[in-house]
Amino acid sequence: MNLTDHAGVRLKHGKPKVNGVEIHYAIGGTGEPVFLLHGVPKSMSYWRHVVPLLTPHYTVIAVDNRGCGGSQRPLTGYDTATMAADVAELATYLSFDQFRVAGEDWGAAIAYAVAAFHRPRVQQLVFQETLLPGLPVGPGLPGGEHDPSLAADDARTGWHFSFFSLPNLPEGCWPGGNGRSGRTTPDAICGTRAR
């Protein structure tokens, strides 16, 4: 999918090697820079409805996080500190000394790490759909007590944290890997019934 700005103009794409890995990004708009970081299992196209709202006011950089979309898929480097360094080095590559960063889901954890590890460079942090480190969690959330009212494949049980940590299996179940749907339940991902 091609991302477009508020005038329908396609964003420009690049794929430089930063922090030892090729990171795919799309850029457009005018104004101060804002980096958009998607969650899992997604790509920069997650932001397709948001980008046109931001481009009249900001230079928008939508990023395919390490291992996702058009970015390189190395075997290591999926910790938040390394992925935050990917974003900071991409900002340097694009000649942005300071910037805003917004993330959702796993992208929010990366955005939080960008702000934490590169504090002088981050002007604003926006995050959604994530649990912040150090805060208590409630029943049914990853790290919280088990909620017996939730089905085993309910995303609130956190089953996907373990699933996406398995080597090679998630990629084989992805659209384009074996043609299965892009839905995020165990049944939908691999076409099997959760046990």
Protein backbone atom coordinates (compact mmCIF):
# COMPACT_ATOMS: atom_id res chain seq x y z
CA MET A 1 0.00 0.00 0.00
CA ASN A 2 1.22 3.47 -0.87
CA LEU A 3 0.96 6.14 1.79
CA THR A 4 -0.22 9.53 0.57
CA ASP A 5 -0.27 13.01 2.03
CA HIS A 6 -3.26 15.34 2.45
CA ALA A 7 -3.15 16.26 -1.28
CA GLY A 8 -3.04 12.63 -2.39
CA VAL A 9 0.66 12.79 -3.27
CA ARG A 10 2.57 9.57 -2.62
CA LEU A 11 5.16 9.80 0.16
CA LYS A 12 8.82 9.33 -0.84
CA HIS A 13 10.38 6.04 0.27
CA GLY A 14 13.89 5.19 1.39
CA LYS A 15 15.75 2.23 2.85
CA PRO A 16 19.09 3.31 4.32
CA LYS A 17 21.31 1.12 6.45
CA VAL A 18 21.16 2.54 9.98
CA ASN A 19 22.27 0.85 13.19
CA GLY A 20 23.52 -2.08 11.07
CA VAL A 21 20.13 -2.83 9.45
CA GLU A 22 18.17 -1.56 6.43
CA ILE A 23 15.14 0.38 7.66
CA HIS A 24 12.34 1.21 5.21
CA TYR A 25 10.56 4.52 5.69
CA ALA A 26 8.16 6.85 3.88
CA ILE A 27 8.37 10.64 4.27
CA GLY A 28 6.16 13.56 3.31
CA GLY A 29 4.57 16.76 4.52
CA THR A 30 6.01 19.99 5.86
CA GLY A 31 6.94 21.19 9.31
CA GLU A 32 8.66 19.63 12.30
CA PRO A 33 9.36 15.89 12.01
CA VAL A 34 7.20 13.21 13.61
CA PHE A 35 8.11 9.53 13.43
CA LEU A 36 5.24 7.01 13.36
CA LEU A 37 6.00 3.52 14.72
CA HIS A 38 3.56 0.67 14.15
CA GLY A 39 2.82 -2.37 16.28
CA VAL A 40 2.84 -6.11 15.61
CA PRO A 41 1.78 -7.67 13.29
CA LYS A 42 1.66 -4.55 11.18
CA SER A 43 3.65 -2.29 8.88
CA MET A 44 3.78 1.44 8.18
CA SER A 45 0.50 1.09 6.27
CA TYR A 46 -1.20 0.99 9.69
CA TRP A 47 -0.87 4.79 9.64
CA ARG A 48 -2.52 5.27 6.18
CA HIS A 49 -5.51 7.18 7.60
CA VAL A 50 -3.43 9.27 10.01
CA VAL A 51 -0.68 10.41 7.62
CA PRO A 52 -2.94 12.69 5.51
CA LEU A 53 -4.16 14.40 8.70
CA LEU A 54 -0.60 15.14 9.84
CA THR A 55 1.18 16.12 6.61
CA PRO A 56 -0.22 19.69 6.43
CA HIS A 57 1.40 20.37 9.81
CA TYR A 58 4.39 18.00 10.14
CA THR A 59 7.05 16.22 8.15
CA VAL A 60 5.80 12.67 8.69
CA ILE A 61 8.17 9.72 8.69
CA ALA A 62 6.31 6.39 8.76
CA VAL A 63 8.74 3.60 9.62
CA ASP A 64 8.65 -0.13 8.96
CA ASN A 65 10.17 -1.32 12.23
CA ARG A 66 13.08 -3.74 12.14
CA GLY A 67 11.79 -7.13 10.99
CA CYS A 68 8.53 -5.77 9.54
CA GLY A 69 7.26 -4.59 6.17
CA GLY A 70 10.07 -3.55 3.86
CA SER A 71 12.75 -3.39 6.55
CA GLN A 72 15.48 -5.96 6.95
CA ARG A 73 14.80 -9.00 9.18
CA PRO A 74 17.99 -9.74 11.12
CA LEU A 75 18.09 -12.61 13.60
CA THR A 76 18.76 -10.29 16.56
CA GLY A 77 18.14 -6.75 17.73
CA TYR A 78 14.45 -6.88 18.64
CA ASP A 79 14.89 -5.38 22.11
CA THR A 80 13.49 -1.89 22.59
CA ALA A 81 16.91 -0.25 23.12
CA THR A 82 18.18 -1.51 19.76
CA MET A 83 14.96 -0.65 17.94
CA ALA A 84 15.01 2.81 19.56
CA ALA A 85 18.55 3.24 18.22
CA ASP A 86 17.20 2.32 14.74
CA VAL A 87 14.81 5.29 14.96
CA ALA A 88 17.39 7.70 16.40
CA GLU A 89 19.93 6.78 13.72
CA LEU A 90 17.27 7.11 11.01
CA ALA A 91 16.52 10.61 12.34
CA THR A 92 20.24 11.43 12.13
CA TYR A 93 20.40 10.01 8.60
CA LEU A 94 17.48 12.30 7.65
CA SER A 95 19.25 15.28 9.34
CA PHE A 96 16.71 15.73 12.15
CA ASP A 97 18.37 16.73 15.42
CA GLN A 98 15.04 16.80 17.28
CA PHE A 99 11.72 15.16 16.52
CA ARG A 100 8.42 13.88 17.83
CA VAL A 101 7.67 10.19 18.02
CA ALA A 102 4.32 8.39 18.11
CA GLY A 103 3.75 4.67 18.45
CA GLU A 104 0.99 2.16 18.97
CA ASP A 105 1.14 -1.36 20.42
CA TRP A 106 4.76 -2.61 20.17
CA GLY A 107 5.59 0.63 18.34
CA ALA A 108 4.57 2.48 21.50
CA ALA A 109 7.12 0.48 23.51
CA ILE A 110 9.76 1.41 20.94
CA ALA A 111 8.64 5.08 20.99
CA TYR A 112 8.88 5.07 24.79
CA ALA A 113 12.42 3.69 24.52
CA VAL A 114 13.35 6.34 21.94
CA ALA A 115 12.20 9.02 24.39
CA ALA A 116 13.97 7.33 27.33
CA PHE A 117 17.31 6.61 25.63
CA HIS A 118 17.43 9.70 23.39
CA ARG A 119 15.70 12.21 25.66
CA PRO A 120 17.43 15.40 24.41
CA ARG A 121 16.29 14.67 20.85
CA VAL A 122 12.62 13.85 21.53
CA GLN A 123 10.32 16.88 21.70
CA GLN A 124 7.13 14.90 22.29
CA LEU A 125 6.09 11.29 22.89
CA VAL A 126 2.65 9.97 21.95
CA PHE A 127 1.70 6.35 22.63
CA GLN A 128 -1.39 4.20 22.51
CA GLU A 129 -2.47 0.60 23.03
CA THR A 130 0.39 -0.44 25.28
CA LEU A 131 1.35 -1.13 28.86
CA LEU A 132 4.03 1.16 30.20
CA PRO A 133 7.00 -0.33 32.07
CA GLY A 134 6.75 -0.14 35.84
CA LEU A 135 2.99 0.38 36.08
CA PRO A 136 0.75 -2.26 37.70
CA VAL A 137 -1.38 -4.39 35.40
CA GLY A 138 -4.87 -5.65 35.96
CA PRO A 139 -6.48 -9.07 35.55
CA GLY A 140 -6.41 -10.44 32.05
CA LEU A 141 -3.43 -8.35 30.93
CA PRO A 142 0.05 -9.77 30.29
CA GLY A 143 1.76 -9.97 33.67
CA GLY A 144 -1.53 -9.70 35.56
CA GLU A 145 -3.72 -12.34 37.13
CA HIS A 146 -5.47 -14.80 34.83
CA ASP A 147 -9.01 -13.72 33.97
CA PRO A 148 -11.12 -16.90 33.60
CA SER A 149 -13.75 -14.99 31.62
CA LEU A 150 -11.33 -14.53 28.70
CA ALA A 151 -11.10 -17.12 25.92
CA ALA A 152 -7.63 -18.61 25.35
CA ASP A 153 -7.22 -16.75 22.05
CA ASP A 154 -8.37 -13.36 23.38
CA ALA A 155 -5.60 -10.82 22.70
CA ARG A 156 -5.92 -9.58 26.29
CA THR A 157 -4.42 -12.88 27.54
CA GLY A 158 -1.10 -11.96 25.91
CA TRP A 159 -0.82 -15.28 24.01
CA HIS A 160 0.74 -13.40 21.11
CA PHE A 161 3.79 -12.34 23.14
CA SER A 162 4.93 -15.96 23.33
CA PHE A 163 3.79 -16.78 19.80
CA PHE A 164 5.80 -13.98 18.18
CA SER A 165 8.89 -15.01 20.18
CA LEU A 166 9.01 -18.42 18.46
CA PRO A 167 11.71 -18.67 15.78
CA ASN A 168 10.37 -18.92 12.19
CA LEU A 169 6.80 -20.01 13.01
CA PRO A 170 5.10 -16.58 12.98
CA GLU A 171 6.73 -15.64 9.66
CA GLY A 172 5.50 -18.88 8.08
CA CYS A 173 1.95 -18.07 9.11
CA TRP A 174 2.01 -14.50 7.75
CA PRO A 175 0.25 -13.35 4.59
CA GLY A 176 2.83 -13.89 1.89
CA GLY A 177 4.49 -16.59 4.00
CA ASN A 178 1.85 -19.23 3.35
CA GLY A 179 -1.11 -17.13 2.26
CA ARG A 180 -3.13 -17.27 5.49
CA SER A 181 -5.19 -14.33 6.65
CA GLY A 182 -3.71 -11.36 8.47
CA ARG A 183 -5.98 -11.70 11.52
CA THR A 184 -4.32 -12.01 14.89
CA THR A 185 -5.83 -14.98 16.69
CA PRO A 186 -4.15 -18.39 16.80
CA ASP A 187 -6.92 -19.85 14.61
CA ALA A 188 -6.76 -17.12 12.03
CA ILE A 189 -2.97 -16.92 11.87
CA CYS A 190 -2.22 -20.59 11.33
CA GLY A 191 -5.62 -21.97 10.38
CA THR A 192 -5.70 -24.22 13.43
CA ARG A 193 -8.01 -24.43 16.40
CA ALA A 194 -6.50 -23.09 19.64
CA ARG A 195 -6.27 -25.71 22.32
